[in-house]
């Protein structure tokens, strides 16, 4: 349930002082106050998504659906972005990595989008649900084993569980061998953290993974994308993998943590099913809060405003889901009518597996630590800053420590198949060879794979 907001003052950047700002600690502490102010201006309003970067933000559920389902008038190719083309976007803007064009399904339209999306959809369809649940269970068991023996019975679940779990699952789904999985995880984690050079680390690791799959195909998503009838180039495969990683890891981590906190909160209904906790998270705390850049192909009137061709229009999934006009009949809507996964031709192709992963991750945690409880009331939890996502900054919990159980033997399970980002020059060739890497301490994925093998 959405928490009440005590501070209802004028948000920073009100009309008297310029656009509302969707970044910084004030916005992070109470985004609904900003959304409430923006709703008074109409179904959309101008905001600053980053310093010096203005976009039109859609806060109305009906208006969001109209745009998401109208690809003739609103396209996703950000190469149309007027301000960027005219040099009015700072070169070091944090908006550029999120909004800048990439050759993937997310930023494509028409036939190009249909081709790339179908390859992703068909590849995801080959993932067996029971197999995926098992990967989640194994990842959860490993992570719980790493912190549950703490003599004080305390942990911070964002860093110890919610964030690493999707990274382990995706590294398995991509068919990464241990060392490559370590670098994939380091690269995507570094991108989220703003680490310099992280995009090159990720791009190089994925290019080597693709080269490996040319030599040794496997039963994994990487191989499926490469062998799809759409005949994706290696560069296209790489960018679809990046899209799956960026769209599937951080939002899933946010959903897992928030759903766990909701389930454990003092305000939760007795015996709240985990599925309901995840659904409430998707409705009231949409992990992808403000995104989905659209560019009008012609001037469009929305409410009392004119959306100019080529000016970016972003969807506030968070504000649309909590639109007061929607609340009047929300109980009559399907539980899946939220916009957390988008809608229209660009709706998330992995929404069902994503929901299942989130539910399974929370269930595994609760089953593994049955007396788990939060150390901070839900209303006092701190949220991360930034406009793009709604994610807890931390989730401190307590539990009864448990002795570490034996790691599963490798022979007890089927053998795993062998496995704007900078694209290495060799990424487009089928005969690329992995670059020799210096020895490093084992990373997260290597340690996980060793644990699975009984080490």
Protein backbone atom coordinates (compact mmCIF):
# COMPACT_ATOMS: atom_id res chain seq x y z
CA UNK A 1 0.00 0.00 0.00
CA UNK A 2 1.29 3.45 -0.86
CA UNK A 3 2.44 5.23 2.26
CA UNK A 4 0.90 8.59 3.21
CA UNK A 5 3.08 11.59 2.53
CA UNK A 6 3.44 14.11 5.29
CA UNK A 7 5.32 16.72 3.30
CA UNK A 8 3.07 18.36 0.78
CA UNK A 9 4.97 21.58 0.28
CA UNK A 10 5.76 23.03 -3.10
CA UNK A 11 8.31 20.74 -4.77
CA UNK A 12 11.64 22.17 -5.78
CA UNK A 13 11.31 23.65 -9.22
CA UNK A 14 7.67 24.74 -9.02
CA UNK A 15 6.43 27.08 -11.82
CA UNK A 16 7.69 30.12 -9.92
CA UNK A 17 11.19 28.68 -9.81
CA UNK A 18 11.42 26.64 -13.03
CA UNK A 19 10.71 23.00 -13.81
CA UNK A 20 10.26 20.37 -11.13
CA UNK A 21 13.47 18.40 -10.65
CA UNK A 22 13.31 14.61 -10.76
CA UNK A 23 16.66 14.09 -9.06
CA UNK A 24 18.29 14.78 -5.72
CA UNK A 25 17.46 13.87 -2.11
CA UNK A 26 14.25 15.91 -1.92
CA UNK A 27 12.69 14.11 -4.86
CA UNK A 28 13.92 10.71 -3.62
CA UNK A 29 12.42 11.29 -0.17
CA UNK A 30 8.93 12.04 -1.50
CA UNK A 31 8.44 11.61 -5.26
CA UNK A 32 4.67 11.44 -4.87
CA UNK A 33 4.67 15.09 -3.74
CA UNK A 34 6.31 16.02 -7.05
CA UNK A 35 3.91 13.83 -9.02
CA UNK A 36 0.96 15.38 -7.18
CA UNK A 37 2.16 18.85 -8.12
CA UNK A 38 2.70 17.84 -11.75
CA UNK A 39 -0.82 16.40 -11.96
CA UNK A 40 -2.22 19.87 -11.25
CA UNK A 41 -0.60 21.02 -14.50
CA UNK A 42 -2.37 18.43 -16.68
CA UNK A 43 -1.72 14.91 -17.99
CA UNK A 44 1.89 15.91 -18.69
CA UNK A 45 4.26 18.68 -17.67
CA UNK A 46 7.87 19.75 -18.31
CA UNK A 47 10.46 18.54 -15.79
CA UNK A 48 14.23 18.44 -15.51
CA UNK A 49 15.27 14.79 -15.61
CA UNK A 50 18.90 15.85 -14.99
CA UNK A 51 20.63 19.23 -14.73
CA UNK A 52 20.05 21.06 -18.00
CA UNK A 53 17.91 18.29 -19.51
CA UNK A 54 14.21 19.04 -19.95
CA UNK A 55 11.65 16.40 -20.89
CA UNK A 56 7.88 16.20 -20.90
CA UNK A 57 6.74 13.79 -18.16
CA UNK A 58 3.41 11.99 -18.50
CA UNK A 59 1.74 11.39 -15.13
CA UNK A 60 -1.75 10.36 -16.30
CA UNK A 61 -2.54 6.65 -16.65
CA UNK A 62 -4.83 7.23 -19.65
CA UNK A 63 -2.34 9.54 -21.36
CA UNK A 64 0.48 7.07 -20.73
CA UNK A 65 -1.53 4.27 -22.35
CA UNK A 66 -2.37 6.53 -25.30
CA UNK A 67 1.31 7.21 -25.97
CA UNK A 68 2.53 3.67 -25.31
CA UNK A 69 -0.06 2.26 -27.70
CA UNK A 70 0.35 4.87 -30.45
CA UNK A 71 3.61 4.05 -32.28
CA UNK A 72 2.53 5.99 -35.36
CA UNK A 73 2.74 9.31 -33.50
CA UNK A 74 5.29 8.45 -30.79
CA UNK A 75 8.50 6.60 -31.71
CA UNK A 76 11.40 5.44 -29.54
CA UNK A 77 14.41 6.34 -31.70
CA UNK A 78 16.23 8.97 -29.65
CA UNK A 79 18.24 10.13 -32.66
CA UNK A 80 15.24 12.45 -33.16
CA UNK A 81 16.00 14.24 -29.86
CA UNK A 82 16.00 17.97 -30.75
CA UNK A 83 18.03 19.27 -27.82
CA UNK A 84 20.69 16.58 -28.26
CA UNK A 85 21.01 17.23 -31.97
CA UNK A 86 21.26 20.97 -31.32
CA UNK A 87 24.02 20.57 -28.71
CA UNK A 88 21.84 21.65 -25.78
CA UNK A 89 22.40 18.49 -23.70
CA UNK A 90 25.57 18.51 -21.54
CA UNK A 91 28.07 16.00 -22.87
CA UNK A 92 28.54 14.51 -19.39
CA UNK A 93 24.82 14.42 -18.57
CA UNK A 94 23.67 11.35 -16.60
CA UNK A 95 20.64 11.35 -18.89
CA UNK A 96 22.67 10.33 -21.93
CA UNK A 97 23.48 6.73 -20.88
CA UNK A 98 19.77 6.19 -20.24
CA UNK A 99 18.29 8.08 -23.21
CA UNK A 100 21.00 7.95 -25.87
CA UNK A 101 20.37 5.74 -28.89
CA UNK A 102 21.53 2.12 -28.91
CA UNK A 103 20.90 -0.45 -31.67
CA UNK A 104 18.49 -2.57 -29.65
CA UNK A 105 14.77 -3.27 -29.57
CA UNK A 106 14.19 -0.60 -26.93
CA UNK A 107 15.26 2.25 -29.23
CA UNK A 108 13.96 0.83 -32.52
CA UNK A 109 10.66 1.22 -34.34
CA UNK A 110 8.67 -0.45 -37.09
CA UNK A 111 10.18 -3.42 -38.90
CA UNK A 112 13.57 -3.05 -37.20
CA UNK A 113 11.92 -3.21 -33.78
CA UNK A 114 9.73 -6.16 -34.76
CA UNK A 115 12.77 -8.13 -35.96
CA UNK A 116 14.85 -7.54 -32.83
CA UNK A 117 11.96 -8.00 -30.44
CA UNK A 118 10.88 -11.28 -32.02
CA UNK A 119 14.37 -12.66 -31.56
CA UNK A 120 14.25 -11.74 -27.87
CA UNK A 121 10.70 -13.06 -27.38
CA UNK A 122 11.42 -16.37 -29.09
CA UNK A 123 14.68 -16.83 -27.20
CA UNK A 124 13.03 -16.15 -23.85
CA UNK A 125 10.31 -18.66 -24.74
CA UNK A 126 12.90 -21.43 -24.74
CA UNK A 127 13.59 -20.92 -21.02
CA UNK A 128 11.90 -23.70 -19.08
CA UNK A 129 9.95 -22.31 -16.09
CA UNK A 130 10.95 -25.14 -13.76
CA UNK A 131 14.57 -24.75 -14.82
CA UNK A 132 14.38 -21.02 -14.13
CA UNK A 133 12.84 -21.57 -10.70
CA UNK A 134 15.68 -23.94 -9.91
CA UNK A 135 18.25 -21.31 -10.91
CA UNK A 136 16.55 -18.81 -8.61
CA UNK A 137 16.48 -21.35 -5.77
CA UNK A 138 20.17 -22.18 -6.20
CA UNK A 139 21.14 -18.51 -6.33
CA UNK A 140 19.01 -17.74 -3.27
CA UNK A 141 20.42 -20.65 -1.28
CA UNK A 142 23.97 -19.57 -2.06
CA UNK A 143 23.42 -15.93 -1.10
CA UNK A 144 21.56 -16.81 2.10
CA UNK A 145 24.38 -19.16 3.04
CA UNK A 146 26.83 -16.27 2.77
CA UNK A 147 25.19 -14.04 5.37
CA UNK A 148 22.86 -16.20 7.48
CA UNK A 149 25.63 -17.49 9.73
CA UNK A 150 26.38 -13.99 10.97
CA UNK A 151 26.70 -14.22 14.75
CA UNK A 152 24.67 -11.05 15.21
CA UNK A 153 21.83 -12.25 12.98
CA UNK A 154 21.75 -9.07 10.93
CA UNK A 155 22.17 -8.26 7.25
CA UNK A 156 21.54 -5.58 4.66
CA UNK A 157 19.46 -7.34 2.01
CA UNK A 158 19.86 -4.96 -0.92
CA UNK A 159 23.58 -5.64 -1.23
CA UNK A 160 23.60 -9.17 0.23
CA UNK A 161 20.60 -10.63 -1.60
CA UNK A 162 18.31 -8.51 -3.82
CA UNK A 163 21.02 -7.05 -6.06
CA UNK A 164 23.26 -10.08 -6.62
CA UNK A 165 20.47 -12.64 -7.13
CA UNK A 166 19.31 -11.42 -10.58
CA UNK A 167 22.95 -11.08 -11.65
CA UNK A 168 23.60 -14.74 -10.83
CA UNK A 169 20.42 -15.86 -12.57
CA UNK A 170 21.16 -13.92 -15.75
CA UNK A 171 24.77 -15.10 -15.86
CA UNK A 172 23.43 -18.66 -15.75
CA UNK A 173 20.78 -17.93 -18.40
CA UNK A 174 23.40 -16.41 -20.70
CA UNK A 175 25.54 -19.55 -20.37
CA UNK A 176 28.56 -17.75 -18.94
CA UNK A 177 31.57 -19.74 -17.78
CA UNK A 178 32.71 -18.56 -14.33
CA UNK A 179 35.39 -16.04 -15.29
CA UNK A 180 33.29 -14.41 -18.00
CA UNK A 181 30.31 -14.31 -15.66
CA UNK A 182 32.46 -12.43 -13.13
CA UNK A 183 33.29 -9.78 -15.73
CA UNK A 184 29.73 -9.50 -16.99
CA UNK A 185 28.56 -8.90 -13.42
CA UNK A 186 31.39 -6.43 -12.75
CA UNK A 187 30.56 -4.54 -15.94
CA UNK A 188 26.81 -4.18 -15.48
CA UNK A 189 27.22 -3.43 -11.76
CA UNK A 190 29.78 -0.77 -12.59
CA UNK A 191 27.44 0.85 -15.10
CA UNK A 192 24.72 1.12 -12.46
CA UNK A 193 27.25 2.57 -10.02
CA UNK A 194 28.73 5.02 -12.52
CA UNK A 195 32.17 3.34 -12.52
CA UNK A 196 34.45 4.69 -15.23
CA UNK A 197 35.21 2.11 -17.91
CA UNK A 198 32.44 -0.27 -16.83
CA UNK A 199 30.79 -0.14 -20.26
CA UNK A 200 34.02 -1.35 -21.88
CA UNK A 201 34.34 -4.16 -19.32
CA UNK A 202 30.80 -5.33 -20.09
CA UNK A 203 31.14 -4.94 -23.85
CA UNK A 204 34.40 -6.89 -23.96
CA UNK A 205 33.06 -9.69 -21.76
CA UNK A 206 29.89 -10.10 -23.82
CA UNK A 207 31.85 -10.04 -27.09
CA UNK A 208 34.03 -12.87 -25.74
CA UNK A 209 30.92 -14.76 -24.66
CA UNK A 210 29.48 -14.48 -28.17
CA UNK A 211 32.77 -15.65 -29.69
CA UNK A 212 32.73 -18.61 -27.31
CA UNK A 213 29.19 -19.55 -28.35
CA UNK A 214 30.24 -19.56 -32.01
CA UNK A 215 32.74 -22.27 -31.12
CA UNK A 216 30.71 -24.07 -28.48
CA UNK A 217 26.95 -23.39 -28.74
CA UNK A 218 24.87 -24.25 -25.70
CA UNK A 219 21.33 -24.37 -24.42
CA UNK A 220 21.29 -20.75 -23.30
CA UNK A 221 19.87 -17.36 -24.25
CA UNK A 222 23.06 -16.22 -25.94
CA UNK A 223 23.05 -19.18 -28.31
CA UNK A 224 19.32 -18.84 -28.95
CA UNK A 225 19.72 -15.19 -29.96
CA UNK A 226 22.66 -16.04 -32.22
CA UNK A 227 20.83 -18.89 -33.95
CA UNK A 228 17.48 -17.13 -34.33
CA UNK A 229 16.05 -16.93 -37.83
CA UNK A 230 16.25 -13.12 -37.65
CA UNK A 231 20.00 -13.58 -38.26
CA UNK A 232 21.21 -10.99 -35.78
CA UNK A 233 24.76 -9.76 -36.19
CA UNK A 234 27.12 -10.28 -33.27
CA UNK A 235 26.83 -6.59 -32.45
CA UNK A 236 23.02 -6.87 -32.40
CA UNK A 237 23.22 -9.94 -30.15
CA UNK A 238 25.50 -8.04 -27.80
CA UNK A 239 23.12 -5.10 -27.54
CA UNK A 240 20.11 -7.33 -26.91
CA UNK A 241 22.04 -9.03 -24.10
CA UNK A 242 22.83 -5.60 -22.62
CA UNK A 243 19.14 -4.69 -22.81
CA UNK A 244 18.15 -7.89 -21.01
CA UNK A 245 20.77 -7.27 -18.34
CA UNK A 246 19.97 -3.61 -17.72
CA UNK A 247 16.22 -4.09 -17.92
CA UNK A 248 16.19 -7.29 -15.89
CA UNK A 249 18.70 -6.93 -13.08
CA UNK A 250 18.33 -3.55 -11.33
CA UNK A 251 14.50 -3.44 -11.65
CA UNK A 252 14.28 -7.03 -10.39
CA UNK A 253 16.52 -6.19 -7.45
CA UNK A 254 14.25 -3.27 -6.59
CA UNK A 255 11.14 -5.45 -6.86
CA UNK A 256 12.63 -8.19 -4.67
CA UNK A 257 13.70 -5.79 -1.92
CA UNK A 258 10.53 -3.68 -1.88
CA UNK A 259 8.28 -6.74 -1.99
CA UNK A 260 10.17 -8.29 0.92
CA UNK A 261 9.87 -5.06 2.92
CA UNK A 262 6.15 -4.83 2.15
CA UNK A 263 5.58 -8.46 3.14
CA UNK A 264 7.37 -7.93 6.44
CA UNK A 265 5.92 -4.49 7.19
CA UNK A 266 3.75 -3.90 10.21
CA UNK A 267 1.03 -2.54 7.91
CA UNK A 268 0.84 -5.69 5.81
CA UNK A 269 -2.34 -7.71 6.02
CA UNK A 270 -2.06 -10.99 7.91
CA UNK A 271 -0.84 -13.84 5.72
CA UNK A 272 -0.30 -11.54 2.74
CA UNK A 273 0.58 -13.84 -0.17
CA UNK A 274 3.98 -13.14 -1.67
CA UNK A 275 2.36 -12.73 -5.09
CA UNK A 276 0.25 -9.88 -3.66
CA UNK A 277 3.29 -8.20 -2.14
CA UNK A 278 5.02 -8.26 -5.53
CA UNK A 279 1.86 -6.99 -7.26
CA UNK A 280 1.57 -4.14 -4.75
CA UNK A 281 5.18 -3.24 -5.41
CA UNK A 282 4.58 -3.11 -9.16
CA UNK A 283 1.51 -0.92 -8.67
CA UNK A 284 2.70 1.45 -5.96
CA UNK A 285 6.50 1.43 -6.23
CA UNK A 286 7.16 0.75 -9.91
CA UNK A 287 10.86 -0.27 -10.08
CA UNK A 288 11.28 1.56 -13.39
CA UNK A 289 9.74 4.83 -12.24
CA UNK A 290 10.29 7.27 -15.12
CA UNK A 291 11.56 6.10 -18.49
CA UNK A 292 10.39 4.94 -21.93
CA UNK A 293 11.49 7.95 -23.94
CA UNK A 294 9.16 8.73 -26.84
CA UNK A 295 9.58 11.29 -29.61
CA UNK A 296 6.50 12.69 -31.37
CA UNK A 297 6.70 12.37 -35.15
CA UNK A 298 4.56 15.52 -35.41
CA UNK A 299 3.25 18.13 -33.02
CA UNK A 300 0.65 16.49 -30.76
CA UNK A 301 -1.84 18.15 -28.43
CA UNK A 302 -2.12 16.42 -25.05
CA UNK A 303 -4.47 18.07 -22.60
CA UNK A 304 -3.72 21.75 -22.89
CA UNK A 305 -0.13 21.33 -24.04
CA UNK A 306 1.53 20.88 -27.41
CA UNK A 307 4.14 18.14 -27.52
CA UNK A 308 6.57 19.28 -30.20
CA UNK A 309 7.93 16.82 -32.74
CA UNK A 310 11.33 15.55 -31.66
CA UNK A 311 11.09 16.71 -28.04
CA UNK A 312 11.42 13.82 -25.56
CA UNK A 313 8.32 12.58 -23.77
CA UNK A 314 8.94 10.24 -20.82
CA UNK A 315 6.37 8.03 -19.14
CA UNK A 316 6.14 8.17 -15.35
CA UNK A 317 5.10 4.59 -14.68
CA UNK A 318 5.19 5.43 -10.98
CA UNK A 319 2.82 8.40 -11.30
CA UNK A 320 0.52 6.72 -13.83
CA UNK A 321 0.05 3.68 -11.59
CA UNK A 322 -0.93 5.90 -8.65
CA UNK A 323 -3.07 8.28 -10.70
CA UNK A 324 -5.95 9.35 -8.37
CA UNK A 325 -8.37 9.11 -11.32
CA UNK A 326 -7.41 5.45 -11.66
CA UNK A 327 -7.92 4.73 -7.95
CA UNK A 328 -11.68 5.13 -8.27
CA UNK A 329 -11.98 1.94 -10.33
CA UNK A 330 -8.62 0.21 -9.76
CA UNK A 331 -10.24 -2.67 -7.89
CA UNK A 332 -12.17 -3.52 -11.05
CA UNK A 333 -9.00 -3.69 -13.11
CA UNK A 334 -6.90 -6.79 -13.62
CA UNK A 335 -4.09 -7.18 -11.10
CA UNK A 336 -1.77 -6.94 -14.12
CA UNK A 337 -3.21 -3.66 -15.43
CA UNK A 338 -0.34 -1.69 -13.91
CA UNK A 339 2.19 -0.13 -16.25
CA UNK A 340 5.31 -1.32 -14.42
CA UNK A 341 6.14 -3.49 -17.44
CA UNK A 342 5.00 -0.89 -19.96
CA UNK A 343 2.32 -1.47 -22.58
CA UNK A 344 1.90 -1.54 -26.33
CA UNK A 345 4.50 -2.79 -28.82
CA UNK A 346 7.41 -2.04 -26.45
CA UNK A 347 5.95 -3.77 -23.38
CA UNK A 348 8.54 -5.80 -21.50
CA UNK A 349 8.88 -9.16 -23.31
CA UNK A 350 10.02 -10.83 -20.07
CA UNK A 351 7.27 -9.66 -17.74
CA UNK A 352 6.05 -13.15 -16.82
CA UNK A 353 9.53 -14.57 -16.07
CA UNK A 354 10.38 -11.35 -14.20
CA UNK A 355 7.32 -11.65 -11.97
CA UNK A 356 8.10 -15.31 -11.33
CA UNK A 357 11.73 -14.55 -10.43
CA UNK A 358 10.67 -11.83 -7.98
CA UNK A 359 8.07 -14.06 -6.30
CA UNK A 360 10.45 -17.02 -6.11
CA UNK A 361 13.27 -14.88 -4.71
CA UNK A 362 11.07 -13.54 -1.91
CA UNK A 363 9.66 -17.01 -1.14
CA UNK A 364 13.15 -18.54 -0.98
CA UNK A 365 14.27 -15.82 1.41
CA UNK A 366 11.26 -16.26 3.71
CA UNK A 367 11.57 -20.04 3.67
CA UNK A 368 15.30 -19.90 4.35
CA UNK A 369 14.94 -17.39 7.21
CA UNK A 370 11.44 -17.97 8.65
CA UNK A 371 11.83 -15.45 11.48
CA UNK A 372 13.14 -12.68 9.23
CA UNK A 373 12.04 -9.18 10.18
CA UNK A 374 13.03 -5.65 9.22
CA UNK A 375 15.03 -3.49 11.60
CA UNK A 376 13.43 -0.29 10.26
CA UNK A 377 9.69 0.37 9.76
CA UNK A 378 8.68 0.46 6.10
CA UNK A 379 7.77 4.15 6.26
CA UNK A 380 11.29 5.00 7.49
CA UNK A 381 13.25 3.06 4.88
CA UNK A 382 15.56 5.15 2.70
CA UNK A 383 15.19 5.18 -1.08
CA UNK A 384 17.84 5.66 -3.73
CA UNK A 385 18.13 8.95 -5.55
CA UNK A 386 17.61 9.47 -9.26
CA UNK A 387 14.64 9.73 -11.59
CA UNK A 388 14.80 6.41 -13.37
CA UNK A 389 14.09 3.84 -10.67
CA UNK A 390 12.31 3.47 -7.35
CA UNK A 391 14.57 1.27 -5.31
CA UNK A 392 15.39 0.98 -1.64
CA UNK A 393 18.82 2.28 -0.75
CA UNK A 394 19.08 -0.41 1.92
CA UNK A 395 16.96 -3.04 3.65
CA UNK A 396 18.34 -3.84 7.12
CA UNK A 397 16.95 -7.04 8.63
CA UNK A 398 17.43 -9.36 11.61
CA UNK A 399 17.00 -13.12 11.94
CA UNK A 400 18.17 -16.08 13.95
CA UNK A 401 21.63 -17.08 12.68
CA UNK A 402 21.77 -20.55 11.22
CA UNK A 403 24.74 -22.84 10.71
CA UNK A 404 26.02 -23.07 7.17
CA UNK A 405 24.68 -26.15 5.42
CA UNK A 406 26.69 -28.28 2.99
CA UNK A 407 27.02 -26.93 -0.52
CA UNK A 408 25.29 -29.01 -3.20
CA UNK A 409 27.58 -31.34 -5.12
CA UNK A 410 28.02 -30.55 -8.80
CA UNK A 411 27.12 -34.12 -9.68
CA UNK A 412 23.74 -33.70 -8.01
CA UNK A 413 22.51 -31.34 -10.70
CA UNK A 414 22.64 -31.23 -14.49
CA UNK A 415 25.84 -29.73 -15.86
CA UNK A 416 25.40 -26.11 -16.90
CA UNK A 417 26.04 -25.35 -20.56
CA UNK A 418 29.36 -23.65 -21.26
CA UNK A 419 28.36 -19.50 -21.77
CA UNK A 420 25.58 3.14 -24.31
CA UNK A 421 28.02 -0.14 -23.95
CA UNK A 422 31.27 0.14 -25.84
CA UNK A 423 31.37 -2.56 -28.50
CA UNK A 424 34.91 -3.91 -29.01
CA UNK A 425 36.15 -3.85 -32.60
CA UNK A 426 36.13 -7.65 -32.76
CA UNK A 427 32.50 -7.93 -31.61
CA UNK A 428 31.11 -8.38 -35.10
CA UNK A 429 33.21 -11.36 -36.13
CA UNK A 430 32.50 -15.00 -35.57
CA UNK A 431 36.14 -15.94 -35.11
CA UNK A 432 37.06 -13.65 -32.24
CA UNK A 433 39.23 -15.26 -29.60
CA UNK A 434 38.92 -14.46 -25.90
CA UNK A 435 41.63 -12.09 -24.74
CA UNK A 436 44.02 -13.58 -22.20
CA UNK A 437 43.15 -12.15 -18.82
CA UNK A 438 45.43 -11.73 -15.81
CA UNK A 439 44.64 -13.84 -12.79
CA UNK A 440 42.18 -12.18 -10.40
CA UNK A 441 40.54 -13.23 -7.17
CA UNK A 442 37.32 -15.12 -7.77
CA UNK A 443 34.34 -12.90 -8.48
CA UNK A 444 30.73 -13.42 -7.46
CA UNK A 445 29.82 -15.83 -10.24
CA UNK A 446 32.98 -17.92 -9.84
CA UNK A 447 32.35 -18.26 -6.11
CA UNK A 448 28.73 -19.25 -6.78
CA UNK A 449 29.73 -21.87 -9.36
CA UNK A 450 32.39 -23.25 -7.02
CA UNK A 451 29.78 -23.49 -4.23
CA UNK A 452 27.45 -25.38 -6.59
CA UNK A 453 30.29 -27.77 -7.25
CA UNK A 454 30.65 -28.52 -3.57
CA UNK A 455 33.78 -26.46 -2.90
